[in-house]
N, C-alpha and C. Protein backbone atom coordinates (compact mmCIF):
# COMPACT_ATOMS: atom_id res chain seq x y z
N MET A 1 -144.48 -159.24 4.38
CA MET A 1 -143.54 -157.67 4.72
C MET A 1 -143.58 -156.59 5.19
N SER A 2 -144.65 -156.50 6.24
CA SER A 2 -145.11 -155.67 6.65
C SER A 2 -144.55 -155.72 8.43
N ASP A 3 -143.11 -156.69 8.49
CA ASP A 3 -142.26 -156.20 9.26
C ASP A 3 -141.18 -155.32 8.49
N GLU A 4 -140.94 -153.88 8.87
CA GLU A 4 -139.83 -153.69 8.28
C GLU A 4 -138.57 -154.10 8.69
N THR A 5 -137.97 -155.10 10.08
CA THR A 5 -136.81 -155.43 9.52
C THR A 5 -136.70 -156.30 8.50
N SER A 6 -137.67 -157.26 7.52
CA SER A 6 -137.99 -158.59 6.98
C SER A 6 -137.97 -157.42 5.69
N LEU A 7 -138.21 -155.66 5.54
CA LEU A 7 -138.47 -155.09 4.08
C LEU A 7 -137.03 -154.59 4.36
N ILE A 8 -135.88 -153.98 4.39
CA ILE A 8 -135.18 -153.38 4.29
C ILE A 8 -134.15 -154.86 3.35
N PRO A 9 -133.81 -156.16 4.24
CA PRO A 9 -132.50 -156.35 3.15
C PRO A 9 -133.74 -156.98 1.48
N ARG A 10 -134.76 -157.21 1.19
CA ARG A 10 -135.22 -157.12 0.57
C ARG A 10 -135.39 -155.43 -0.48
N LEU A 11 -135.28 -154.65 0.16
CA LEU A 11 -135.25 -153.32 -0.82
C LEU A 11 -133.76 -153.27 -1.13
N LEU A 12 -132.47 -154.23 -0.50
CA LEU A 12 -131.05 -154.20 -0.52
C LEU A 12 -131.11 -155.04 -1.53
N GLU A 13 -132.02 -155.91 -1.84
CA GLU A 13 -131.56 -157.09 -3.22
C GLU A 13 -132.94 -156.26 -4.12
N ASN A 14 -133.00 -155.31 -4.71
CA ASN A 14 -133.75 -154.52 -5.28
C ASN A 14 -134.75 -154.85 -6.01
N ASP A 15 -136.20 -155.66 -4.53
CA ASP A 15 -136.64 -156.70 -5.71
C ASP A 15 -138.42 -154.83 -5.37
N GLU A 16 -139.01 -155.54 -6.24
CA GLU A 16 -140.08 -153.92 -6.63
C GLU A 16 -141.32 -154.58 -5.63
N ARG A 17 -141.67 -155.60 -5.58
CA ARG A 17 -142.71 -155.31 -4.26
C ARG A 17 -142.16 -154.52 -3.20
N ALA A 18 -140.89 -154.62 -3.05
CA ALA A 18 -140.35 -154.22 -1.16
C ALA A 18 -140.15 -152.69 -1.21
N TRP A 19 -140.16 -152.28 -2.62
CA TRP A 19 -139.43 -150.50 -3.09
C TRP A 19 -141.03 -149.92 -3.24
N ARG A 20 -142.35 -151.09 -3.89
CA ARG A 20 -143.44 -150.50 -4.41
C ARG A 20 -144.08 -150.31 -2.24
N THR A 21 -144.17 -151.61 -1.79
CA THR A 21 -144.63 -150.91 -0.95
C THR A 21 -143.55 -149.87 0.35
N PHE A 22 -142.31 -149.98 -0.01
CA PHE A 22 -141.45 -148.63 0.53
C PHE A 22 -142.60 -147.47 0.37
N HIS A 23 -142.82 -146.80 -0.92
CA HIS A 23 -143.48 -145.84 -1.68
C HIS A 23 -145.19 -145.73 -0.97
N GLU A 24 -145.77 -146.56 -0.54
CA GLU A 24 -146.50 -146.96 -0.03
C GLU A 24 -146.90 -146.77 1.59
N ARG A 25 -145.78 -147.41 2.23
CA ARG A 25 -145.84 -147.31 3.38
C ARG A 25 -145.57 -145.45 4.07
N TYR A 26 -144.56 -145.21 2.98
CA TYR A 26 -143.55 -144.50 4.10
C TYR A 26 -143.80 -143.01 3.01
N GLY A 27 -143.84 -143.26 1.79
CA GLY A 27 -144.44 -142.59 0.65
C GLY A 27 -144.68 -140.03 1.73
N ASN A 28 -146.14 -140.69 2.16
CA ASN A 28 -146.78 -139.65 2.17
C ASN A 28 -146.20 -138.99 2.96
N ARG A 29 -145.55 -140.01 4.48
CA ARG A 29 -145.25 -139.83 5.87
C ARG A 29 -143.78 -139.23 5.16
N LEU A 30 -143.15 -138.72 4.37
CA LEU A 30 -141.74 -138.94 4.45
C LEU A 30 -142.33 -137.35 3.51
N GLN A 31 -142.79 -137.35 2.55
CA GLN A 31 -143.09 -136.05 2.55
C GLN A 31 -143.62 -135.08 3.35
N GLY A 32 -144.35 -135.73 4.04
CA GLY A 32 -145.50 -134.05 5.51
C GLY A 32 -143.70 -134.20 6.06
N ALA A 33 -142.60 -134.64 6.23
CA ALA A 33 -141.73 -134.02 7.24
C ALA A 33 -141.58 -133.22 6.22
N ILE A 34 -140.69 -133.60 5.05
CA ILE A 34 -140.45 -132.34 4.27
C ILE A 34 -141.04 -131.51 4.23
N THR A 35 -142.66 -130.83 3.53
CA THR A 35 -143.60 -130.03 3.81
C THR A 35 -143.73 -129.34 5.42
N THR A 36 -143.29 -130.54 6.66
CA THR A 36 -143.20 -129.27 7.65
C THR A 36 -141.96 -128.37 7.95
N VAL A 37 -140.84 -128.95 6.65
CA VAL A 37 -139.84 -127.70 6.93
C VAL A 37 -139.81 -126.94 5.98
N THR A 38 -139.94 -127.06 4.90
CA THR A 38 -140.50 -126.38 3.62
C THR A 38 -141.68 -124.81 3.69
N ARG A 39 -142.22 -125.60 4.75
CA ARG A 39 -143.94 -124.71 4.89
C ARG A 39 -143.01 -123.25 5.31
N ARG A 40 -141.72 -123.23 6.41
CA ARG A 40 -142.23 -122.34 7.76
C ARG A 40 -140.45 -121.49 6.12
N PHE A 41 -140.88 -121.53 5.36
CA PHE A 41 -139.54 -120.96 3.80
C PHE A 41 -140.91 -120.56 2.71
N PRO A 42 -141.80 -120.63 2.56
CA PRO A 42 -142.59 -120.07 1.89
C PRO A 42 -142.11 -119.73 0.65
N GLN A 43 -140.58 -118.65 0.72
CA GLN A 43 -140.19 -117.89 -0.41
C GLN A 43 -139.14 -118.07 -1.06
N LEU A 44 -138.48 -119.45 -0.49
CA LEU A 44 -137.53 -120.46 -1.26
C LEU A 44 -138.02 -121.14 -2.14
N THR A 45 -138.96 -121.64 -1.67
CA THR A 45 -139.41 -123.08 -2.15
C THR A 45 -141.18 -122.72 -2.83
N GLY A 46 -141.46 -124.09 -3.23
CA GLY A 46 -143.67 -124.11 -3.90
C GLY A 46 -143.22 -125.53 -3.60
N THR A 47 -144.53 -125.58 -4.24
CA THR A 47 -145.26 -126.98 -4.30
C THR A 47 -145.24 -128.51 -5.09
N ASP A 48 -143.79 -127.95 -5.65
CA ASP A 48 -143.07 -128.67 -6.64
C ASP A 48 -141.98 -129.19 -6.01
N HIS A 49 -141.87 -127.94 -5.39
CA HIS A 49 -140.13 -128.81 -4.72
C HIS A 49 -140.26 -130.09 -3.34
N VAL A 50 -141.53 -129.85 -2.70
CA VAL A 50 -141.86 -130.98 -2.09
C VAL A 50 -141.22 -132.71 -2.28
N GLU A 51 -141.68 -132.57 -4.04
CA GLU A 51 -141.45 -133.87 -4.98
C GLU A 51 -139.98 -133.76 -5.31
N GLU A 52 -140.06 -132.93 -5.45
CA GLU A 52 -138.35 -132.67 -6.32
C GLU A 52 -137.26 -133.08 -4.85
N ILE A 53 -137.82 -133.89 -3.62
CA ILE A 53 -136.93 -133.07 -2.01
C ILE A 53 -136.83 -134.36 -2.40
N TYR A 54 -138.09 -134.57 -2.34
CA TYR A 54 -138.54 -136.44 -1.98
C TYR A 54 -137.81 -137.24 -3.29
N GLY A 55 -137.53 -137.06 -4.32
CA GLY A 55 -137.04 -137.70 -5.48
C GLY A 55 -135.40 -137.14 -4.57
N THR A 56 -134.83 -136.85 -4.59
CA THR A 56 -133.64 -136.39 -4.07
C THR A 56 -132.76 -137.68 -2.38
N LEU A 57 -134.09 -137.65 -2.23
CA LEU A 57 -133.52 -138.69 -0.66
C LEU A 57 -134.18 -140.32 -1.34
N CYS A 58 -134.74 -139.92 -2.02
CA CYS A 58 -135.32 -141.81 -2.70
C CYS A 58 -133.18 -141.86 -3.66
N LEU A 59 -133.36 -140.72 -4.63
CA LEU A 59 -131.52 -141.33 -5.04
C LEU A 59 -130.52 -141.71 -3.74
N ARG A 60 -130.43 -140.39 -3.09
CA ARG A 60 -129.65 -140.77 -1.69
C ARG A 60 -129.58 -142.12 -1.04
N LEU A 61 -130.66 -142.91 -0.93
CA LEU A 61 -130.85 -144.22 -0.01
C LEU A 61 -130.10 -145.11 -0.77
N LEU A 62 -130.09 -144.30 -2.92
CA LEU A 62 -130.17 -145.97 -3.66
C LEU A 62 -128.63 -145.52 -3.45
N SER A 63 -127.85 -144.08 -3.64
CA SER A 63 -126.60 -144.44 -4.29
C SER A 63 -125.96 -144.22 -3.73
N ASP A 64 -124.73 -145.07 -3.42
CA ASP A 64 -123.20 -145.23 -3.07
C ASP A 64 -123.37 -146.75 -2.35
N ASP A 65 -124.14 -147.33 -3.51
CA ASP A 65 -124.61 -149.39 -3.05
C ASP A 65 -125.69 -149.08 -2.25
N LYS A 66 -126.91 -148.55 -1.64
CA LYS A 66 -127.03 -148.34 -0.90
C LYS A 66 -126.94 -147.80 0.63
N ARG A 67 -125.94 -147.11 0.95
CA ARG A 67 -124.76 -146.89 1.92
C ARG A 67 -125.64 -146.36 3.07
N ARG A 68 -126.38 -145.04 2.67
CA ARG A 68 -127.69 -145.23 4.02
C ARG A 68 -128.38 -145.60 4.48
N LEU A 69 -129.63 -146.33 2.84
CA LEU A 69 -130.16 -147.88 3.57
C LEU A 69 -129.88 -148.48 4.56
N ARG A 70 -128.37 -149.45 3.49
CA ARG A 70 -127.81 -150.06 5.15
C ARG A 70 -127.16 -150.00 6.60
N SER A 71 -126.93 -148.43 5.90
CA SER A 71 -127.24 -148.30 7.73
C SER A 71 -128.20 -148.52 8.62
N PHE A 72 -128.90 -148.41 8.48
CA PHE A 72 -130.05 -148.03 9.11
C PHE A 72 -129.84 -149.58 10.14
N ASP A 73 -129.44 -150.02 11.41
CA ASP A 73 -129.77 -150.52 12.14
C ASP A 73 -131.03 -150.62 13.27
N PRO A 74 -132.25 -151.12 13.22
CA PRO A 74 -133.12 -151.42 13.85
C PRO A 74 -133.02 -151.48 15.65
N ASP A 75 -131.24 -152.18 15.19
CA ASP A 75 -131.39 -152.94 17.20
C ASP A 75 -131.19 -151.43 18.01
N ARG A 76 -131.45 -150.70 17.02
CA ARG A 76 -130.56 -149.64 17.91
C ARG A 76 -132.92 -148.57 18.71
N GLY A 77 -132.78 -149.00 18.07
CA GLY A 77 -134.03 -148.85 18.56
C GLY A 77 -135.65 -147.79 17.95
N THR A 78 -134.38 -147.43 16.57
CA THR A 78 -135.30 -146.26 16.34
C THR A 78 -136.12 -146.74 14.70
N PRO A 79 -137.42 -146.45 15.46
CA PRO A 79 -138.38 -147.42 14.46
C PRO A 79 -137.64 -146.89 12.53
N LEU A 80 -137.74 -147.54 11.80
CA LEU A 80 -137.50 -147.78 10.03
C LEU A 80 -138.63 -145.74 9.94
N GLY A 81 -139.58 -145.54 10.06
CA GLY A 81 -140.52 -144.12 9.82
C GLY A 81 -139.52 -143.10 9.75
N CYS A 82 -139.57 -142.66 11.76
CA CYS A 82 -138.56 -142.44 12.80
C CYS A 82 -137.01 -141.43 11.23
N TRP A 83 -136.70 -142.69 11.72
CA TRP A 83 -135.21 -143.01 11.05
C TRP A 83 -135.23 -141.90 8.99
N LEU A 84 -136.37 -142.84 8.95
CA LEU A 84 -136.34 -142.08 7.09
C LEU A 84 -136.70 -141.11 7.82
N CYS A 85 -137.80 -140.56 8.40
CA CYS A 85 -138.03 -138.30 8.78
C CYS A 85 -137.61 -138.14 8.81
N THR A 86 -136.27 -138.73 9.41
CA THR A 86 -135.32 -137.35 10.36
C THR A 86 -134.39 -137.31 8.68
N LEU A 87 -134.37 -137.89 7.82
CA LEU A 87 -132.95 -138.13 6.26
C LEU A 87 -133.86 -137.23 5.53
N ALA A 88 -135.53 -137.61 6.03
CA ALA A 88 -136.38 -136.61 5.07
C ALA A 88 -136.14 -134.86 5.25
N LYS A 89 -135.78 -134.20 6.63
CA LYS A 89 -136.12 -133.77 7.47
C LYS A 89 -134.73 -133.06 6.65
N ASN A 90 -134.10 -133.52 6.73
CA ASN A 90 -132.22 -132.98 7.08
C ASN A 90 -132.00 -132.78 5.75
N SER A 91 -132.96 -133.84 4.60
CA SER A 91 -132.69 -133.27 2.75
C SER A 91 -134.01 -132.66 2.49
N ALA A 92 -135.02 -131.89 4.01
CA ALA A 92 -135.21 -130.55 2.95
C ALA A 92 -134.22 -129.00 2.80
N TYR A 93 -134.49 -128.99 4.78
CA TYR A 93 -132.66 -128.17 4.58
C TYR A 93 -132.14 -128.37 4.09
N ASP A 94 -131.39 -129.56 3.51
CA ASP A 94 -129.52 -129.23 2.58
C ASP A 94 -130.93 -128.91 0.96
N PHE A 95 -131.73 -128.44 0.31
CA PHE A 95 -132.24 -127.99 -0.90
C PHE A 95 -132.86 -126.75 -0.05
N LEU A 96 -132.93 -125.98 1.17
CA LEU A 96 -133.23 -125.30 1.30
C LEU A 96 -131.76 -124.07 1.83
N ARG A 97 -130.53 -124.96 2.02
CA ARG A 97 -129.64 -124.63 2.02
C ARG A 97 -129.25 -123.71 0.20
N SER A 98 -128.86 -124.95 0.00
CA SER A 98 -128.97 -124.34 -1.79
C SER A 98 -129.29 -123.68 -2.26
N ARG A 99 -130.79 -123.71 -2.02
CA ARG A 99 -131.68 -122.74 -2.15
C ARG A 99 -130.95 -121.06 -2.17
N ARG A 100 -130.71 -120.56 -0.70
CA ARG A 100 -129.85 -119.38 -0.16
C ARG A 100 -129.09 -119.60 -0.97
N ARG A 101 -128.42 -120.36 -1.50
CA ARG A 101 -126.59 -120.18 -1.63
C ARG A 101 -126.97 -119.26 -3.42
N GLN A 102 -128.15 -119.90 -3.49
CA GLN A 102 -128.44 -119.22 -5.84
C GLN A 102 -129.15 -118.43 -5.64
N PRO A 103 -129.12 -116.73 -5.32
CA PRO A 103 -130.60 -116.30 -5.29
C PRO A 103 -131.45 -116.26 -6.47
N TRP A 104 -130.82 -116.42 -7.49
CA TRP A 104 -131.40 -116.96 -9.50
C TRP A 104 -132.57 -117.54 -9.09
N LEU A 105 -132.62 -119.14 -7.34
CA LEU A 105 -133.47 -119.71 -8.42
C LEU A 105 -134.97 -118.92 -7.86
N ASN A 106 -134.50 -117.43 -7.01
CA ASN A 106 -135.87 -117.18 -5.71
C ASN A 106 -136.86 -117.05 -6.66
N ARG A 107 -137.62 -116.37 -6.59
CA ARG A 107 -139.42 -116.61 -7.57
C ARG A 107 -138.99 -115.10 -8.01
N LEU A 108 -138.66 -114.34 -9.00
CA LEU A 108 -139.30 -113.13 -10.12
C LEU A 108 -139.91 -112.74 -9.13
N GLY A 109 -139.07 -111.24 -9.01
CA GLY A 109 -139.82 -110.23 -8.40
C GLY A 109 -140.35 -109.93 -6.75
N ASP A 110 -140.11 -111.04 -7.01
CA ASP A 110 -140.09 -111.34 -5.51
C ASP A 110 -139.75 -109.99 -3.98
N ASP A 111 -139.89 -109.59 -3.59
CA ASP A 111 -139.36 -108.09 -2.83
C ASP A 111 -139.83 -108.64 -1.23
N THR A 112 -139.67 -109.92 -0.59
CA THR A 112 -139.92 -110.50 0.18
C THR A 112 -138.50 -110.44 0.58
N PRO A 113 -137.54 -109.97 1.70
CA PRO A 113 -137.28 -110.01 2.40
C PRO A 113 -135.96 -111.25 2.40
N GLU A 114 -134.63 -111.56 2.56
CA GLU A 114 -133.96 -112.95 3.00
C GLU A 114 -134.50 -113.82 3.75
N VAL A 115 -134.85 -115.17 4.26
CA VAL A 115 -134.83 -115.63 5.12
C VAL A 115 -133.55 -116.23 5.91
N GLU A 116 -133.48 -115.97 6.50
CA GLU A 116 -132.64 -116.70 7.80
C GLU A 116 -132.22 -118.24 7.94
N LEU A 117 -132.02 -118.97 7.32
CA LEU A 117 -132.17 -120.60 7.21
C LEU A 117 -131.25 -120.29 9.06
N PRO A 118 -132.57 -121.45 9.78
CA PRO A 118 -131.63 -121.85 11.18
C PRO A 118 -129.92 -122.32 10.88
N CYS A 119 -129.58 -122.25 12.30
CA CYS A 119 -127.88 -122.37 12.71
C CYS A 119 -128.08 -122.95 13.29
N GLU A 120 -126.79 -123.69 12.96
CA GLU A 120 -126.50 -125.03 13.05
C GLU A 120 -126.13 -125.14 14.50
N ALA A 121 -125.38 -124.01 14.98
CA ALA A 121 -125.48 -123.77 16.63
C ALA A 121 -126.25 -123.39 17.63
N PRO A 122 -126.35 -124.19 18.92
CA PRO A 122 -126.90 -123.63 20.02
C PRO A 122 -127.32 -122.48 20.55
N ASP A 123 -128.00 -122.08 20.25
CA ASP A 123 -128.57 -120.81 21.27
C ASP A 123 -128.82 -121.20 22.06
N ALA A 124 -128.08 -119.43 23.42
CA ALA A 124 -128.05 -119.76 24.93
C ALA A 124 -129.14 -120.46 25.70
N PHE A 125 -130.15 -120.10 24.82
CA PHE A 125 -131.30 -121.37 26.23
C PHE A 125 -130.89 -122.33 25.59
N SER A 126 -130.69 -123.03 24.35
CA SER A 126 -130.71 -124.40 24.03
C SER A 126 -129.27 -124.90 25.80
N MET A 127 -128.68 -124.50 24.89
CA MET A 127 -126.51 -124.61 26.10
C MET A 127 -127.89 -124.48 27.50
N CYS A 128 -128.36 -123.97 28.03
CA CYS A 128 -128.86 -123.71 29.58
C CYS A 128 -130.03 -124.97 29.81
N SER A 129 -130.85 -124.94 28.36
CA SER A 129 -131.70 -125.99 28.86
C SER A 129 -131.03 -127.52 28.60
N THR A 130 -129.63 -127.88 27.87
CA THR A 130 -129.79 -128.30 28.09
C THR A 130 -129.08 -128.99 29.38
N ARG A 131 -128.38 -128.61 29.62
CA ARG A 131 -127.52 -128.39 31.10
C ARG A 131 -127.64 -128.71 32.12
N GLU A 132 -129.18 -128.19 32.24
CA GLU A 132 -130.00 -128.18 32.65
C GLU A 132 -131.06 -129.73 33.09
N GLN A 133 -130.73 -130.06 32.28
CA GLN A 133 -131.96 -131.71 31.40
C GLN A 133 -130.39 -132.24 32.05
N ALA A 134 -129.04 -132.97 31.56
CA ALA A 134 -128.23 -133.21 31.72
C ALA A 134 -128.22 -133.19 33.74
N ARG A 135 -127.74 -131.75 34.52
CA ARG A 135 -128.13 -132.13 35.47
C ARG A 135 -129.59 -133.13 36.65
N VAL A 136 -130.18 -132.75 35.99
CA VAL A 136 -131.68 -133.84 36.56
C VAL A 136 -131.73 -135.47 35.88
N MET A 137 -130.89 -135.29 34.91
CA MET A 137 -130.94 -136.97 34.40
C MET A 137 -129.96 -137.39 35.48
N GLU A 138 -129.21 -136.60 36.14
CA GLU A 138 -128.20 -137.51 36.39
C GLU A 138 -128.66 -137.64 37.35
N GLN A 139 -129.46 -136.96 38.46
CA GLN A 139 -129.79 -137.10 38.87
C GLN A 139 -130.65 -138.51 39.57
N LEU A 140 -131.28 -138.64 38.64
CA LEU A 140 -132.35 -140.11 38.34
C LEU A 140 -131.99 -140.94 38.85
N ILE A 141 -130.40 -140.50 37.56
CA ILE A 141 -129.78 -142.02 37.28
C ILE A 141 -129.42 -142.58 38.31
N GLN A 142 -128.34 -141.20 39.55
CA GLN A 142 -128.58 -141.27 40.99
C GLN A 142 -128.96 -142.53 41.82
N SER A 143 -130.62 -141.87 41.07
CA SER A 143 -130.83 -142.43 42.00
C SER A 143 -131.53 -144.12 42.16
N LEU A 144 -131.46 -144.33 40.94
CA LEU A 144 -131.20 -146.05 40.39
C LEU A 144 -130.58 -146.95 40.97
N SER A 145 -131.14 -147.83 41.32
CA SER A 145 -129.79 -149.15 42.00
C SER A 145 -128.60 -149.25 41.15
N ALA A 146 -127.44 -149.59 41.90
CA ALA A 146 -126.50 -149.85 41.85
C ALA A 146 -126.33 -151.24 40.86
N ARG A 147 -126.43 -151.90 40.03
CA ARG A 147 -127.43 -152.34 39.32
C ARG A 147 -128.02 -152.31 38.28
N ASP A 148 -128.11 -150.85 38.13
CA ASP A 148 -128.84 -150.56 37.26
C ASP A 148 -128.83 -148.99 36.59
N GLN A 149 -127.65 -148.35 37.78
CA GLN A 149 -126.68 -148.20 37.81
C GLN A 149 -125.02 -147.90 37.06
N GLU A 150 -124.78 -149.35 36.49
CA GLU A 150 -123.57 -149.97 36.12
C GLU A 150 -124.69 -150.30 34.71
N PHE A 151 -125.68 -150.29 34.55
CA PHE A 151 -126.92 -151.71 33.52
C PHE A 151 -125.88 -149.90 32.28
N MET A 152 -126.96 -148.49 33.33
CA MET A 152 -126.56 -147.22 32.43
C MET A 152 -126.03 -146.21 31.77
N ASP A 153 -124.51 -146.84 32.40
CA ASP A 153 -122.75 -146.21 32.34
C ASP A 153 -123.16 -147.17 30.91
N ALA A 154 -122.84 -148.68 31.15
CA ALA A 154 -122.77 -149.07 29.62
C ALA A 154 -123.69 -148.71 28.81
N TYR A 155 -125.25 -148.48 29.11
CA TYR A 155 -125.81 -148.21 27.87
C TYR A 155 -125.19 -146.97 27.27
N LEU A 156 -125.16 -145.69 28.31
CA LEU A 156 -124.37 -144.62 27.74
C LEU A 156 -123.54 -143.98 27.02
N GLN A 157 -122.60 -145.24 27.06
CA GLN A 157 -121.23 -145.34 26.78
C GLN A 157 -122.01 -146.05 25.09
N GLY A 158 -122.38 -146.38 25.05
CA GLY A 158 -123.01 -146.45 23.70
C GLY A 158 -122.55 -148.89 23.56
N THR A 159 -121.68 -149.09 24.26
CA THR A 159 -122.19 -150.78 24.51
C THR A 159 -122.34 -151.81 23.88
N ASP A 160 -123.05 -152.24 23.43
CA ASP A 160 -123.88 -153.39 21.96
C ASP A 160 -124.98 -154.15 23.40
N ALA A 161 -125.69 -154.04 23.15
CA ALA A 161 -126.73 -155.15 23.74
C ALA A 161 -125.73 -156.56 24.46
N GLU A 162 -125.35 -156.93 22.89
CA GLU A 162 -124.47 -158.56 23.82
C GLU A 162 -123.29 -158.19 24.42
N GLU A 163 -122.71 -157.38 24.90
CA GLU A 163 -122.23 -156.73 25.42
C GLU A 163 -122.33 -156.54 26.80
N ILE A 164 -123.29 -156.40 26.67
CA ILE A 164 -124.12 -155.33 28.73
C ILE A 164 -124.86 -156.74 29.23
N ALA A 165 -125.00 -157.70 28.03
CA ALA A 165 -125.43 -158.99 28.49
C ALA A 165 -124.67 -159.37 28.70
N GLN A 166 -123.77 -159.35 28.66
CA GLN A 166 -122.37 -160.90 28.56
C GLN A 166 -121.53 -160.11 30.25
N GLN A 167 -121.46 -158.53 30.55
CA GLN A 167 -121.13 -157.98 31.07
C GLN A 167 -122.01 -158.98 32.54
N LEU A 168 -122.79 -158.09 32.86
CA LEU A 168 -124.35 -158.31 33.82
C LEU A 168 -124.10 -159.31 33.64
N GLY A 169 -124.19 -160.49 32.98
CA GLY A 169 -124.61 -162.12 32.93
C GLY A 169 -126.34 -162.37 32.54
N ILE A 170 -126.97 -161.30 31.62
CA ILE A 170 -128.08 -161.75 31.65
C ILE A 170 -128.82 -161.84 30.32
N SER A 171 -129.93 -161.84 29.16
CA SER A 171 -129.53 -162.30 28.36
C SER A 171 -129.68 -161.28 27.37
N VAL A 172 -129.83 -160.89 25.35
CA VAL A 172 -129.88 -159.67 24.81
C VAL A 172 -131.35 -159.50 25.13
N GLY A 173 -132.68 -160.96 25.45
CA GLY A 173 -133.72 -160.16 25.49
C GLY A 173 -133.58 -159.18 26.76
N THR A 174 -133.17 -159.50 27.92
CA THR A 174 -133.33 -159.08 28.69
C THR A 174 -132.89 -157.23 28.82
N VAL A 175 -131.28 -157.52 28.05
CA VAL A 175 -131.44 -156.07 28.60
C VAL A 175 -132.13 -154.86 27.56
N TYR A 176 -132.19 -155.67 26.38
CA TYR A 176 -133.60 -154.15 25.63
C TYR A 176 -134.77 -154.30 27.21
N SER A 177 -135.30 -155.23 27.61
CA SER A 177 -136.38 -155.51 28.02
C SER A 177 -136.86 -154.26 29.62
N LYS A 178 -134.90 -154.79 29.94
CA LYS A 178 -134.56 -153.79 31.52
C LYS A 178 -133.81 -152.02 30.63
N LYS A 179 -134.13 -151.72 29.72
CA LYS A 179 -133.50 -150.65 28.64
C LYS A 179 -134.89 -149.64 28.70
N HIS A 180 -135.18 -150.90 28.17
CA HIS A 180 -136.50 -149.53 28.44
C HIS A 180 -137.21 -148.89 29.75
N LYS A 181 -137.49 -150.68 30.28
CA LYS A 181 -137.95 -149.85 32.13
C LYS A 181 -137.45 -148.83 32.28
N ILE A 182 -136.15 -149.04 32.24
CA ILE A 182 -135.35 -147.41 33.25
C ILE A 182 -135.65 -146.30 32.36
N LEU A 183 -135.54 -146.65 31.07
CA LEU A 183 -135.94 -145.57 31.02
C LEU A 183 -137.99 -144.89 30.70
N ALA A 184 -138.13 -145.86 30.80
CA ALA A 184 -139.67 -145.09 31.11
C ALA A 184 -140.01 -144.93 32.98
N ARG A 185 -138.79 -145.23 32.90
CA ARG A 185 -139.20 -144.87 34.49
C ARG A 185 -138.52 -144.17 35.07
N LEU A 186 -137.62 -143.43 34.15
CA LEU A 186 -136.54 -141.53 34.29
C LEU A 186 -137.67 -141.39 33.77
N GLU A 187 -137.84 -141.04 32.32
CA GLU A 187 -139.22 -140.56 31.92
C GLU A 187 -140.23 -139.93 32.96
N THR A 188 -141.13 -140.61 33.40
CA THR A 188 -141.84 -140.60 34.66
C THR A 188 -141.12 -139.78 35.92
N SER A 189 -140.49 -140.03 36.10
CA SER A 189 -139.55 -139.17 37.43
C SER A 189 -138.92 -138.09 37.06
N ALA A 190 -139.09 -137.85 35.34
CA ALA A 190 -138.46 -136.43 34.82
C ALA A 190 -139.16 -136.03 35.03
N SER A 191 -140.63 -136.41 34.46
CA SER A 191 -141.70 -135.21 33.57
C SER A 191 -142.63 -134.72 34.93
N PHE A 192 -141.98 -135.71 36.26
CA PHE A 192 -142.64 -134.57 37.91
C PHE A 192 -141.68 -134.10 38.12
N LEU A 193 -140.98 -133.75 37.45
CA LEU A 193 -139.26 -132.28 37.95
C LEU A 193 -140.21 -130.95 37.60
């Protein structure tokens, strides 16, 4: 059960050993991701809140006939641990927002000023940086061969691997290999700019 692709179906079947493996393998990592978020807002959280947020995350994975767990797709290239850490951080932010909306839950007698939680809207620097990164990426993609550009167009439009393989007349395995090679080449080129 070391492979995460075999772990997900067993979790969906409510296999107790799979759930034990899940907690052993990812529990500390998810609590660490939660702690990373909550540590920045000590006036809104305490040490026991990490476990509460982790418990809420686990309940969310189980709720609605395990809809969130079923939504994980290993073919997208994101490892299960990274995907779960993203969910954990989102759960921590949700918890902080709810605490912020309920000021009576804050510590009694605490005179620390309220903390502004990060705004969802990007700031000017982020917007400018994103535009610049897009411009550089466009230049890098234009430096690829015509066939690789066609591949990247299909990939960036969200076309699934089977369709790309059919369009380009290559195997699905080659699609994944080509994706990783091109992305590595783009990443290396971008680091020199």
